[in-house]
């Protein structure tokens, strides 16, 4: 696939970039191949909403690790600001931040990733890029400055992608608590007439085009 030269899109490969983080230099996506990567931006260090987000990410860090995922933060701040902020969080709020943060003080990474909203100055939006073990962007989320992210939703969609990939199924709304089929998953649509006729014999179906199963 030819990569879009403007804003990055779902299905594209994460551009190759060398970044400076609080844990040293990282090469994207190379250093994370074989694992899922949650790359997220925040507007600025030493801001209340961002602080609550970082605490939530930190407290859920082991859950991400269990799903073979790593976290990588980013803002247009210098590395000393990141280090001091992380230090303050640990000293004052008693929460250690175990993942690295990109110091994108020139804004080049944020600009390449589409993390800067037009008219928003130099601060990044609350963007989330979920990148699979092959370095492909699978999900992009944007939140405004005044609303913090739902970390549980990021974990939910990460697990959903892994189940979808492993079992070749689709995932319903609000899974695993869907109002119609609960924690079941949706079988892909049939590819021919014979398959459509056989579908209700193999799965639970509302009709041949809407079948579901337990995994």
N, C-alpha and C. Protein backbone atom coordinates (compact mmCIF):
# COMPACT_ATOMS: atom_id res chain seq x y z
N UNK A 1 0.85 -1.19 0.00
CA UNK A 1 0.00 0.00 0.00
C UNK A 1 0.88 1.24 0.00
N UNK A 2 0.59 2.18 -0.87
CA UNK A 2 1.35 3.42 -0.90
C UNK A 2 0.91 4.28 0.27
N UNK A 3 1.88 4.74 1.05
CA UNK A 3 1.52 5.46 2.25
C UNK A 3 1.06 6.88 1.97
N UNK A 4 -0.01 7.25 2.67
CA UNK A 4 -0.54 8.59 2.54
C UNK A 4 0.48 9.60 3.04
N UNK A 5 0.65 10.70 2.32
CA UNK A 5 1.65 11.70 2.69
C UNK A 5 1.10 12.74 3.65
N UNK A 6 -0.22 12.72 3.87
CA UNK A 6 -0.80 13.65 4.83
C UNK A 6 -0.98 12.96 6.16
N UNK A 7 -2.19 13.03 6.69
CA UNK A 7 -2.48 12.38 7.95
C UNK A 7 -2.40 10.86 7.80
N UNK A 8 -1.85 10.20 8.79
CA UNK A 8 -1.74 8.74 8.75
C UNK A 8 -3.13 8.11 8.83
N UNK A 9 -3.27 6.96 8.21
CA UNK A 9 -4.55 6.28 8.13
C UNK A 9 -4.46 4.88 8.70
N UNK A 10 -5.59 4.36 9.13
CA UNK A 10 -5.67 2.97 9.56
C UNK A 10 -5.27 2.06 8.40
N UNK A 11 -4.44 1.08 8.68
CA UNK A 11 -3.98 0.15 7.65
C UNK A 11 -2.62 0.50 7.09
N UNK A 12 -2.12 1.69 7.40
CA UNK A 12 -0.79 2.07 6.94
C UNK A 12 0.26 1.62 7.94
N UNK A 13 1.47 1.51 7.47
CA UNK A 13 2.58 1.16 8.35
C UNK A 13 3.07 2.41 9.07
N UNK A 14 3.38 2.26 10.34
CA UNK A 14 3.93 3.38 11.10
C UNK A 14 5.24 3.82 10.46
N UNK A 15 5.40 5.12 10.18
CA UNK A 15 6.64 5.59 9.55
C UNK A 15 7.85 5.28 10.42
N UNK A 16 8.97 5.02 9.77
CA UNK A 16 10.22 4.80 10.51
C UNK A 16 10.71 6.12 11.08
N UNK A 17 10.94 6.14 12.38
CA UNK A 17 11.38 7.34 13.08
C UNK A 17 12.32 6.97 14.22
N UNK A 18 13.34 7.78 14.43
CA UNK A 18 14.18 7.66 15.62
C UNK A 18 13.74 8.74 16.59
N UNK A 19 13.37 8.36 17.80
CA UNK A 19 12.83 9.31 18.77
C UNK A 19 13.64 9.29 20.05
N UNK A 20 13.65 10.42 20.74
CA UNK A 20 14.34 10.56 22.03
C UNK A 20 13.31 10.45 23.13
N UNK A 21 13.48 9.50 24.03
CA UNK A 21 12.51 9.28 25.10
C UNK A 21 13.19 9.35 26.47
N UNK A 22 12.37 9.30 27.50
CA UNK A 22 12.88 9.27 28.86
C UNK A 22 13.62 7.97 29.17
N UNK A 23 13.52 6.98 28.30
CA UNK A 23 14.26 5.72 28.44
C UNK A 23 15.33 5.58 27.37
N UNK A 24 15.74 6.70 26.79
CA UNK A 24 16.76 6.67 25.74
C UNK A 24 16.16 6.68 24.34
N UNK A 25 17.00 6.46 23.36
CA UNK A 25 16.55 6.49 21.97
C UNK A 25 15.76 5.23 21.62
N UNK A 26 14.72 5.42 20.82
CA UNK A 26 13.91 4.32 20.30
C UNK A 26 13.77 4.50 18.80
N UNK A 27 13.73 3.37 18.09
CA UNK A 27 13.51 3.40 16.65
C UNK A 27 12.15 2.78 16.37
N UNK A 28 11.27 3.60 15.79
CA UNK A 28 9.91 3.14 15.49
C UNK A 28 9.77 2.78 14.02
N UNK A 29 9.03 1.72 13.71
CA UNK A 29 8.42 0.77 14.65
C UNK A 29 9.35 -0.38 15.04
N UNK A 30 10.59 -0.34 14.56
CA UNK A 30 11.53 -1.47 14.67
C UNK A 30 11.63 -2.01 16.09
N UNK A 31 11.80 -1.14 17.08
CA UNK A 31 12.04 -1.59 18.45
C UNK A 31 10.83 -2.26 19.08
N UNK A 32 9.66 -2.15 18.43
CA UNK A 32 8.44 -2.73 19.00
C UNK A 32 7.86 -3.84 18.13
N UNK A 33 8.55 -4.23 17.07
CA UNK A 33 8.03 -5.31 16.23
C UNK A 33 7.90 -6.59 17.05
N UNK A 34 6.83 -7.31 16.81
CA UNK A 34 6.56 -8.52 17.59
C UNK A 34 5.67 -8.26 18.80
N UNK A 35 5.42 -6.99 19.08
CA UNK A 35 4.54 -6.59 20.18
C UNK A 35 3.56 -5.53 19.68
N UNK A 36 2.46 -5.41 20.37
CA UNK A 36 1.54 -4.31 20.10
C UNK A 36 2.09 -3.05 20.76
N UNK A 37 1.84 -1.92 20.15
CA UNK A 37 2.30 -0.64 20.69
C UNK A 37 1.12 0.32 20.80
N UNK A 38 0.96 0.89 21.99
CA UNK A 38 -0.02 1.95 22.21
C UNK A 38 0.77 3.26 22.29
N UNK A 39 0.76 4.01 21.19
CA UNK A 39 1.47 5.29 21.11
C UNK A 39 0.44 6.39 21.32
N UNK A 40 0.61 7.17 22.38
CA UNK A 40 -0.40 8.18 22.71
C UNK A 40 0.26 9.52 23.04
N UNK A 41 -0.41 10.58 22.65
CA UNK A 41 0.08 11.93 22.92
C UNK A 41 -0.77 12.61 23.97
N UNK A 42 -0.16 13.54 24.70
CA UNK A 42 -0.89 14.37 25.66
C UNK A 42 -0.51 15.82 25.41
N UNK A 43 -1.41 16.76 25.71
CA UNK A 43 -1.14 18.16 25.40
C UNK A 43 0.11 18.74 26.04
N UNK A 44 0.35 18.44 27.32
CA UNK A 44 1.52 19.04 27.98
C UNK A 44 1.77 18.37 29.32
N UNK A 45 3.02 18.40 29.75
CA UNK A 45 3.37 17.96 31.10
C UNK A 45 2.80 18.93 32.13
N UNK A 46 2.71 18.47 33.37
CA UNK A 46 2.26 19.29 34.49
C UNK A 46 0.87 19.91 34.24
N UNK A 47 -0.03 19.10 33.68
CA UNK A 47 -1.41 19.52 33.51
C UNK A 47 -2.31 18.47 34.18
N UNK A 48 -3.42 18.89 34.78
CA UNK A 48 -4.22 17.97 35.60
C UNK A 48 -4.80 16.76 34.86
N UNK A 49 -5.45 16.99 33.72
CA UNK A 49 -6.08 15.87 33.00
C UNK A 49 -5.01 14.87 32.55
N UNK A 50 -3.91 15.39 32.01
CA UNK A 50 -2.83 14.51 31.55
C UNK A 50 -2.26 13.69 32.71
N UNK A 51 -2.18 14.31 33.88
CA UNK A 51 -1.67 13.60 35.06
C UNK A 51 -2.58 12.43 35.42
N UNK A 52 -3.90 12.66 35.37
CA UNK A 52 -4.82 11.56 35.66
C UNK A 52 -4.71 10.45 34.63
N UNK A 53 -4.46 10.82 33.38
CA UNK A 53 -4.31 9.80 32.33
C UNK A 53 -3.07 8.96 32.56
N UNK A 54 -1.96 9.61 32.87
CA UNK A 54 -0.72 8.88 33.08
C UNK A 54 -0.82 7.93 34.27
N UNK A 55 -1.51 8.35 35.30
CA UNK A 55 -1.71 7.47 36.45
C UNK A 55 -2.55 6.26 36.03
N UNK A 56 -3.57 6.49 35.23
CA UNK A 56 -4.41 5.37 34.77
C UNK A 56 -3.62 4.41 33.89
N UNK A 57 -2.83 4.96 32.97
CA UNK A 57 -2.00 4.10 32.14
C UNK A 57 -1.02 3.29 33.00
N UNK A 58 -0.42 3.95 33.99
CA UNK A 58 0.55 3.28 34.85
C UNK A 58 -0.10 2.16 35.67
N UNK A 59 -1.28 2.45 36.22
CA UNK A 59 -1.95 1.44 37.04
C UNK A 59 -2.45 0.26 36.22
N UNK A 60 -2.62 0.47 34.92
CA UNK A 60 -3.05 -0.63 34.04
C UNK A 60 -1.92 -1.20 33.20
N UNK A 61 -0.69 -0.81 33.51
CA UNK A 61 0.46 -1.20 32.70
C UNK A 61 0.61 -2.71 32.61
N UNK A 62 0.42 -3.42 33.72
CA UNK A 62 0.57 -4.88 33.70
C UNK A 62 -0.49 -5.54 32.84
N UNK A 63 -1.67 -4.95 32.76
CA UNK A 63 -2.72 -5.50 31.89
C UNK A 63 -2.30 -5.37 30.42
N UNK A 64 -1.67 -4.23 30.07
CA UNK A 64 -1.17 -4.08 28.71
C UNK A 64 -0.06 -5.10 28.43
N UNK A 65 0.80 -5.30 29.42
CA UNK A 65 1.90 -6.26 29.24
C UNK A 65 1.35 -7.68 29.03
N UNK A 66 0.29 -8.02 29.74
CA UNK A 66 -0.32 -9.34 29.60
C UNK A 66 -0.88 -9.55 28.19
N UNK A 67 -1.22 -8.45 27.53
CA UNK A 67 -1.71 -8.51 26.15
C UNK A 67 -0.60 -8.27 25.14
N UNK A 68 0.64 -8.44 25.58
CA UNK A 68 1.81 -8.28 24.71
C UNK A 68 1.87 -6.88 24.10
N UNK A 69 1.57 -5.88 24.92
CA UNK A 69 1.55 -4.50 24.44
C UNK A 69 2.46 -3.62 25.28
N UNK A 70 3.05 -2.63 24.62
CA UNK A 70 3.86 -1.63 25.29
C UNK A 70 3.22 -0.26 25.14
N UNK A 71 3.47 0.61 26.11
CA UNK A 71 2.97 1.98 26.09
C UNK A 71 4.11 2.93 25.74
N UNK A 72 3.78 3.97 24.98
CA UNK A 72 4.76 4.99 24.62
C UNK A 72 4.05 6.33 24.54
N UNK A 73 4.37 7.24 25.48
CA UNK A 73 3.75 8.55 25.51
C UNK A 73 4.50 9.55 24.64
N UNK A 74 3.90 10.72 24.45
CA UNK A 74 4.52 11.77 23.64
C UNK A 74 3.87 13.11 23.93
N UNK A 75 4.69 14.15 24.02
CA UNK A 75 4.19 15.53 23.97
C UNK A 75 5.31 16.43 23.47
N UNK A 76 4.94 17.64 23.12
CA UNK A 76 5.94 18.58 22.62
C UNK A 76 6.57 19.30 23.81
N UNK A 77 7.30 18.52 24.59
CA UNK A 77 8.05 19.03 25.74
C UNK A 77 9.46 18.47 25.67
N UNK A 78 10.38 19.13 26.35
CA UNK A 78 11.74 18.64 26.39
C UNK A 78 11.86 17.50 27.38
N UNK A 79 12.91 16.71 27.24
CA UNK A 79 13.03 15.51 28.06
C UNK A 79 13.14 15.84 29.54
N UNK A 80 13.79 16.97 29.89
CA UNK A 80 13.92 17.29 31.31
C UNK A 80 12.55 17.57 31.93
N UNK A 81 11.61 18.13 31.14
CA UNK A 81 10.26 18.37 31.63
C UNK A 81 9.56 17.04 31.91
N UNK A 82 9.68 16.09 30.96
CA UNK A 82 9.11 14.76 31.18
C UNK A 82 9.67 14.12 32.45
N UNK A 83 10.99 14.18 32.59
CA UNK A 83 11.64 13.54 33.74
C UNK A 83 11.16 14.16 35.05
N UNK A 84 11.07 15.48 35.09
CA UNK A 84 10.64 16.16 36.31
C UNK A 84 9.18 15.86 36.62
N UNK A 85 8.34 15.83 35.59
CA UNK A 85 6.92 15.53 35.79
C UNK A 85 6.73 14.11 36.31
N UNK A 86 7.42 13.16 35.70
CA UNK A 86 7.34 11.76 36.15
C UNK A 86 7.83 11.64 37.59
N UNK A 87 8.90 12.36 37.90
CA UNK A 87 9.42 12.39 39.27
C UNK A 87 8.39 12.95 40.24
N UNK A 88 7.73 14.04 39.84
CA UNK A 88 6.71 14.65 40.70
C UNK A 88 5.55 13.69 40.94
N UNK A 89 5.10 13.01 39.89
CA UNK A 89 4.00 12.05 40.04
C UNK A 89 4.38 10.95 41.03
N UNK A 90 5.60 10.45 40.91
CA UNK A 90 6.02 9.38 41.81
C UNK A 90 6.16 9.87 43.24
N UNK A 91 6.75 11.04 43.42
CA UNK A 91 6.98 11.56 44.77
C UNK A 91 5.70 12.03 45.45
N UNK A 92 4.85 12.72 44.70
CA UNK A 92 3.67 13.33 45.30
C UNK A 92 2.43 12.43 45.27
N UNK A 93 2.29 11.63 44.22
CA UNK A 93 1.10 10.81 44.07
C UNK A 93 1.36 9.32 44.26
N UNK A 94 2.63 8.99 44.49
CA UNK A 94 3.05 7.62 44.81
C UNK A 94 2.73 6.62 43.71
N UNK A 95 2.84 7.06 42.46
CA UNK A 95 2.62 6.18 41.31
C UNK A 95 3.84 6.30 40.39
N UNK A 96 4.50 5.18 40.14
CA UNK A 96 5.65 5.16 39.23
C UNK A 96 5.17 5.03 37.79
N UNK A 97 5.77 5.79 36.89
CA UNK A 97 5.44 5.72 35.46
C UNK A 97 6.46 4.78 34.80
N UNK A 98 6.05 3.57 34.42
CA UNK A 98 7.02 2.57 33.96
C UNK A 98 7.35 2.61 32.47
N UNK A 99 6.65 3.43 31.71
CA UNK A 99 6.83 3.43 30.26
C UNK A 99 7.54 4.72 29.81
N UNK A 100 8.19 4.70 28.65
CA UNK A 100 8.90 5.89 28.16
C UNK A 100 7.96 6.94 27.58
N UNK A 101 8.47 8.16 27.52
CA UNK A 101 7.73 9.28 26.93
C UNK A 101 8.63 9.95 25.90
N UNK A 102 8.13 10.12 24.70
CA UNK A 102 8.90 10.78 23.65
C UNK A 102 8.99 12.28 23.94
N UNK A 103 10.20 12.82 23.88
CA UNK A 103 10.42 14.26 24.01
C UNK A 103 10.45 14.85 22.60
N UNK A 104 9.29 15.26 22.13
CA UNK A 104 9.15 15.76 20.76
C UNK A 104 9.19 17.29 20.78
N UNK A 105 10.27 17.87 21.32
CA UNK A 105 10.30 19.31 21.56
C UNK A 105 10.28 20.13 20.27
N UNK A 106 10.65 19.54 19.14
CA UNK A 106 10.57 20.23 17.86
C UNK A 106 9.24 20.00 17.14
N UNK A 107 8.45 19.07 17.66
CA UNK A 107 7.13 18.81 17.11
C UNK A 107 7.11 18.00 15.82
N UNK A 108 8.25 17.45 15.42
CA UNK A 108 8.31 16.76 14.13
C UNK A 108 7.53 15.45 14.14
N UNK A 109 7.63 14.71 15.24
CA UNK A 109 6.91 13.43 15.33
C UNK A 109 5.41 13.69 15.37
N UNK A 110 5.00 14.64 16.22
CA UNK A 110 3.57 14.96 16.34
C UNK A 110 2.99 15.43 15.02
N UNK A 111 3.74 16.24 14.30
CA UNK A 111 3.27 16.72 13.00
C UNK A 111 3.13 15.57 12.02
N UNK A 112 4.11 14.68 12.00
CA UNK A 112 4.06 13.53 11.08
C UNK A 112 2.91 12.59 11.41
N UNK A 113 2.58 12.49 12.70
CA UNK A 113 1.53 11.57 13.14
C UNK A 113 0.15 12.19 13.12
N UNK A 114 0.05 13.48 12.80
CA UNK A 114 -1.25 14.14 12.80
C UNK A 114 -1.78 14.38 14.19
N UNK A 115 -0.89 14.65 15.16
CA UNK A 115 -1.28 14.85 16.55
C UNK A 115 -1.51 16.32 16.91
N UNK A 116 -1.28 17.21 15.97
CA UNK A 116 -1.46 18.64 16.23
C UNK A 116 -2.70 19.12 15.50
N UNK A 117 -3.65 19.63 16.25
CA UNK A 117 -4.90 20.09 15.65
C UNK A 117 -4.71 21.47 15.05
N UNK A 118 -5.17 21.69 13.82
CA UNK A 118 -5.07 23.03 13.22
C UNK A 118 -5.73 24.08 14.10
N UNK A 119 -5.02 25.15 14.36
CA UNK A 119 -5.55 26.20 15.20
C UNK A 119 -5.35 25.97 16.68
N UNK A 120 -4.71 24.84 17.02
CA UNK A 120 -4.51 24.50 18.42
C UNK A 120 -3.15 24.86 18.96
N UNK A 121 -2.41 25.67 18.23
CA UNK A 121 -1.08 26.04 18.67
C UNK A 121 -0.10 24.89 18.49
N UNK A 122 0.83 24.77 19.42
CA UNK A 122 1.85 23.72 19.31
C UNK A 122 1.56 22.51 20.19
N UNK A 123 0.46 22.54 20.94
CA UNK A 123 0.14 21.42 21.81
C UNK A 123 -0.51 20.29 21.01
N UNK A 124 -0.18 19.07 21.40
CA UNK A 124 -0.78 17.91 20.75
C UNK A 124 -2.19 17.66 21.30
N UNK A 125 -3.02 17.05 20.46
CA UNK A 125 -4.32 16.56 20.94
C UNK A 125 -4.07 15.26 21.70
N UNK A 126 -5.12 14.71 22.29
CA UNK A 126 -4.99 13.42 22.97
C UNK A 126 -5.23 12.33 21.92
N UNK A 127 -4.20 12.00 21.20
CA UNK A 127 -4.30 10.98 20.15
C UNK A 127 -3.84 9.63 20.69
N UNK A 128 -4.43 8.57 20.15
CA UNK A 128 -4.00 7.20 20.46
C UNK A 128 -3.84 6.45 19.15
N UNK A 129 -2.68 5.87 18.95
CA UNK A 129 -2.42 5.01 17.80
C UNK A 129 -2.14 3.61 18.33
N UNK A 130 -2.96 2.66 17.91
CA UNK A 130 -2.74 1.26 18.28
C UNK A 130 -2.08 0.58 17.09
N UNK A 131 -0.86 0.08 17.32
CA UNK A 131 -0.03 -0.46 16.24
C UNK A 131 0.24 -1.93 16.51
N UNK A 132 0.02 -2.76 15.50
CA UNK A 132 0.13 -4.21 15.71
C UNK A 132 1.58 -4.69 15.63
N UNK A 133 1.83 -5.97 15.90
CA UNK A 133 3.21 -6.47 15.92
C UNK A 133 3.95 -6.39 14.59
N UNK A 134 3.22 -6.14 13.50
CA UNK A 134 3.86 -5.96 12.19
C UNK A 134 4.15 -4.49 11.89
N UNK A 135 3.80 -3.61 12.82
CA UNK A 135 4.04 -2.18 12.62
C UNK A 135 2.92 -1.48 11.88
N UNK A 136 1.74 -2.13 11.76
CA UNK A 136 0.61 -1.56 11.03
C UNK A 136 -0.33 -0.84 12.00
N UNK A 137 -0.77 0.35 11.63
CA UNK A 137 -1.71 1.11 12.44
C UNK A 137 -3.10 0.48 12.32
N UNK A 138 -3.65 0.06 13.45
CA UNK A 138 -4.94 -0.61 13.44
C UNK A 138 -6.07 0.25 14.00
N UNK A 139 -5.74 1.24 14.80
CA UNK A 139 -6.77 2.08 15.41
C UNK A 139 -6.20 3.47 15.65
N UNK A 140 -7.02 4.49 15.43
CA UNK A 140 -6.65 5.88 15.73
C UNK A 140 -7.81 6.51 16.49
N UNK A 141 -7.52 7.07 17.66
CA UNK A 141 -8.52 7.76 18.46
C UNK A 141 -8.04 9.18 18.75
N UNK A 142 -8.98 10.12 18.76
CA UNK A 142 -8.65 11.49 19.12
C UNK A 142 -9.60 11.98 20.22
N UNK A 143 -9.04 12.62 21.21
CA UNK A 143 -9.83 13.23 22.27
C UNK A 143 -9.44 14.71 22.38
N UNK A 144 -10.38 15.56 22.77
CA UNK A 144 -10.05 16.98 22.95
C UNK A 144 -9.27 17.19 24.24
N UNK A 145 -8.71 18.38 24.39
CA UNK A 145 -7.88 18.68 25.56
C UNK A 145 -8.65 18.57 26.86
N UNK A 146 -9.96 18.89 26.83
CA UNK A 146 -10.71 18.96 28.08
C UNK A 146 -11.30 17.62 28.53
N UNK A 147 -11.16 16.57 27.74
CA UNK A 147 -11.72 15.26 28.11
C UNK A 147 -10.62 14.20 28.10
N UNK A 148 -10.44 13.55 29.25
CA UNK A 148 -9.43 12.49 29.35
C UNK A 148 -9.89 11.20 28.71
N UNK A 149 -8.93 10.37 28.38
CA UNK A 149 -9.21 9.09 27.73
C UNK A 149 -9.77 8.05 28.68
N UNK A 150 -10.43 7.06 28.10
CA UNK A 150 -10.90 5.88 28.84
C UNK A 150 -9.90 4.76 28.58
N UNK A 151 -9.02 4.52 29.53
CA UNK A 151 -7.97 3.51 29.35
C UNK A 151 -8.57 2.11 29.23
N UNK A 152 -9.67 1.87 29.93
CA UNK A 152 -10.34 0.57 29.83
C UNK A 152 -10.79 0.29 28.40
N UNK A 153 -11.20 1.31 27.67
CA UNK A 153 -11.61 1.12 26.28
C UNK A 153 -10.43 0.75 25.40
N UNK A 154 -9.28 1.35 25.67
CA UNK A 154 -8.08 1.01 24.90
C UNK A 154 -7.69 -0.44 25.15
N UNK A 155 -7.78 -0.89 26.39
CA UNK A 155 -7.52 -2.29 26.70
C UNK A 155 -8.55 -3.20 26.03
N UNK A 156 -9.82 -2.79 26.04
CA UNK A 156 -10.88 -3.60 25.44
C UNK A 156 -10.64 -3.80 23.95
N UNK A 157 -10.32 -2.71 23.24
CA UNK A 157 -10.15 -2.83 21.80
C UNK A 157 -8.86 -3.58 21.46
N UNK A 158 -7.85 -3.47 22.30
CA UNK A 158 -6.63 -4.24 22.10
C UNK A 158 -6.91 -5.74 22.19
N UNK A 159 -7.66 -6.15 23.21
CA UNK A 159 -8.03 -7.55 23.35
C UNK A 159 -8.94 -7.99 22.21
N UNK A 160 -9.86 -7.11 21.80
CA UNK A 160 -10.77 -7.43 20.71
C UNK A 160 -10.02 -7.68 19.40
N UNK A 161 -9.03 -6.84 19.10
CA UNK A 161 -8.22 -7.04 17.90
C UNK A 161 -7.53 -8.40 17.94
N UNK A 162 -6.99 -8.76 19.07
CA UNK A 162 -6.26 -10.02 19.16
C UNK A 162 -7.18 -11.22 18.97
N UNK A 163 -8.38 -11.15 19.50
CA UNK A 163 -9.36 -12.22 19.30
C UNK A 163 -9.82 -12.25 17.84
N UNK A 164 -10.06 -11.08 17.27
CA UNK A 164 -10.49 -11.01 15.87
C UNK A 164 -9.42 -11.59 14.95
N UNK A 165 -8.17 -11.24 15.18
CA UNK A 165 -7.08 -11.74 14.34
C UNK A 165 -6.90 -13.25 14.49
N UNK A 166 -6.98 -13.73 15.70
CA UNK A 166 -6.73 -15.16 15.97
C UNK A 166 -7.84 -16.05 15.42
N UNK A 167 -9.10 -15.60 15.54
CA UNK A 167 -10.23 -16.46 15.20
C UNK A 167 -10.94 -16.04 13.90
N UNK A 168 -10.46 -14.99 13.25
CA UNK A 168 -11.07 -14.50 12.01
C UNK A 168 -12.55 -14.21 12.22
N UNK A 169 -12.84 -13.39 13.21
CA UNK A 169 -14.21 -13.03 13.53
C UNK A 169 -14.31 -11.51 13.67
N UNK A 170 -15.54 -11.01 13.72
CA UNK A 170 -15.78 -9.60 14.00
C UNK A 170 -16.28 -9.46 15.44
N UNK A 171 -16.07 -8.29 16.00
CA UNK A 171 -16.41 -8.05 17.40
C UNK A 171 -17.59 -7.08 17.49
N UNK A 172 -18.65 -7.45 18.23
CA UNK A 172 -19.84 -6.58 18.30
C UNK A 172 -19.63 -5.36 19.19
N UNK A 173 -20.57 -4.46 19.14
CA UNK A 173 -20.54 -3.26 19.97
C UNK A 173 -20.53 -3.63 21.44
N UNK A 174 -19.77 -2.87 22.21
CA UNK A 174 -19.69 -3.01 23.66
C UNK A 174 -19.22 -4.39 24.13
N UNK A 175 -18.60 -5.15 23.21
CA UNK A 175 -18.05 -6.45 23.60
C UNK A 175 -17.09 -6.26 24.78
N UNK A 176 -17.10 -7.18 25.75
CA UNK A 176 -17.82 -8.45 25.82
C UNK A 176 -19.18 -8.38 26.51
N UNK A 177 -19.79 -7.21 26.51
CA UNK A 177 -21.10 -7.05 27.15
C UNK A 177 -22.10 -6.50 26.13
N UNK A 178 -22.12 -7.11 24.96
CA UNK A 178 -23.05 -6.65 23.94
C UNK A 178 -24.49 -6.91 24.36
N UNK A 179 -25.37 -5.96 24.06
CA UNK A 179 -26.76 -6.06 24.49
C UNK A 179 -27.54 -7.16 23.76
N UNK A 180 -27.03 -7.63 22.63
CA UNK A 180 -27.75 -8.62 21.83
C UNK A 180 -27.17 -10.02 21.98
N UNK A 181 -25.84 -10.14 21.91
CA UNK A 181 -25.22 -11.47 21.90
C UNK A 181 -24.18 -11.65 23.01
N UNK A 182 -24.13 -10.73 23.95
CA UNK A 182 -23.24 -10.89 25.09
C UNK A 182 -21.78 -10.89 24.70
N UNK A 183 -21.05 -11.93 25.15
CA UNK A 183 -19.61 -11.99 24.88
C UNK A 183 -19.28 -12.84 23.64
N UNK A 184 -20.30 -13.17 22.85
CA UNK A 184 -20.08 -13.95 21.64
C UNK A 184 -19.51 -13.05 20.54
N UNK A 185 -19.00 -13.69 19.48
CA UNK A 185 -18.41 -12.94 18.38
C UNK A 185 -19.17 -13.23 17.09
N UNK A 186 -18.96 -12.37 16.11
CA UNK A 186 -19.72 -12.46 14.85
C UNK A 186 -18.93 -13.19 13.78
N UNK A 187 -19.58 -14.14 13.14
CA UNK A 187 -18.95 -14.92 12.08
C UNK A 187 -18.91 -14.08 10.80
N UNK A 188 -17.80 -14.09 10.06
CA UNK A 188 -17.73 -13.31 8.82
C UNK A 188 -18.83 -13.71 7.85
N UNK A 189 -19.26 -12.82 6.98
CA UNK A 189 -20.35 -13.12 6.05
C UNK A 189 -19.97 -14.23 5.07
N UNK A 190 -20.97 -14.94 4.55
CA UNK A 190 -20.69 -16.02 3.60
C UNK A 190 -20.16 -15.48 2.28
N UNK A 191 -19.42 -16.32 1.58
CA UNK A 191 -18.80 -15.90 0.32
C UNK A 191 -19.56 -16.38 -0.91
N UNK A 192 -20.56 -17.27 -0.71
CA UNK A 192 -21.34 -17.77 -1.85
C UNK A 192 -22.71 -18.26 -1.36
N UNK A 193 -23.56 -18.62 -2.30
CA UNK A 193 -24.93 -19.03 -1.99
C UNK A 193 -24.97 -20.29 -1.14
N UNK A 194 -24.15 -21.28 -1.47
CA UNK A 194 -24.13 -22.53 -0.72
C UNK A 194 -23.73 -22.29 0.73
N UNK A 195 -22.73 -21.44 0.91
CA UNK A 195 -22.27 -21.12 2.26
C UNK A 195 -23.38 -20.43 3.05
N UNK A 196 -24.13 -19.56 2.39
CA UNK A 196 -25.23 -18.86 3.05
C UNK A 196 -26.30 -19.85 3.53
N UNK A 197 -26.58 -20.89 2.72
CA UNK A 197 -27.58 -21.89 3.09
C UNK A 197 -27.12 -22.76 4.26
N UNK A 198 -25.82 -23.04 4.30
CA UNK A 198 -25.28 -23.91 5.34
C UNK A 198 -25.03 -23.17 6.66
N UNK A 199 -24.93 -21.86 6.56
CA UNK A 199 -24.54 -21.07 7.72
C UNK A 199 -25.41 -21.32 8.96
N UNK A 200 -26.75 -21.32 8.86
CA UNK A 200 -27.59 -21.53 10.04
C UNK A 200 -27.44 -22.93 10.65
N UNK A 201 -26.90 -23.88 9.89
CA UNK A 201 -26.70 -25.23 10.42
C UNK A 201 -25.44 -25.30 11.29
N UNK A 202 -24.54 -24.37 11.09
CA UNK A 202 -23.25 -24.40 11.78
C UNK A 202 -23.20 -23.47 13.00
N UNK A 203 -23.97 -22.37 12.92
CA UNK A 203 -23.87 -21.34 13.95
C UNK A 203 -25.25 -20.92 14.44
N UNK A 204 -25.27 -20.17 15.52
CA UNK A 204 -26.49 -19.51 15.94
C UNK A 204 -26.66 -18.27 15.07
N UNK A 205 -27.84 -18.13 14.45
CA UNK A 205 -28.04 -17.05 13.49
C UNK A 205 -29.39 -16.37 13.68
N UNK A 206 -29.42 -15.07 13.48
CA UNK A 206 -30.68 -14.34 13.36
C UNK A 206 -31.17 -14.46 11.92
N UNK A 207 -30.22 -14.55 11.00
CA UNK A 207 -30.43 -14.80 9.59
C UNK A 207 -29.07 -15.23 9.06
N UNK A 208 -28.99 -15.69 7.80
CA UNK A 208 -27.72 -16.21 7.30
C UNK A 208 -26.62 -15.15 7.27
N UNK A 209 -27.00 -13.87 7.24
CA UNK A 209 -25.99 -12.82 7.17
C UNK A 209 -25.55 -12.31 8.54
N UNK A 210 -26.22 -12.84 9.60
CA UNK A 210 -25.89 -12.41 10.95
C UNK A 210 -25.82 -13.61 11.87
N UNK A 211 -24.65 -14.24 11.88
CA UNK A 211 -24.43 -15.44 12.69
C UNK A 211 -23.36 -15.13 13.74
N UNK A 212 -23.45 -15.83 14.87
CA UNK A 212 -22.51 -15.58 15.96
C UNK A 212 -22.15 -16.90 16.64
N UNK A 213 -21.07 -16.85 17.40
CA UNK A 213 -20.61 -18.06 18.07
C UNK A 213 -19.84 -17.69 19.33
N UNK A 214 -19.65 -18.72 20.16
CA UNK A 214 -18.85 -18.58 21.36
C UNK A 214 -17.40 -18.93 21.02
N UNK A 215 -16.45 -18.23 21.63
CA UNK A 215 -15.05 -18.60 21.41
C UNK A 215 -14.43 -19.08 22.72
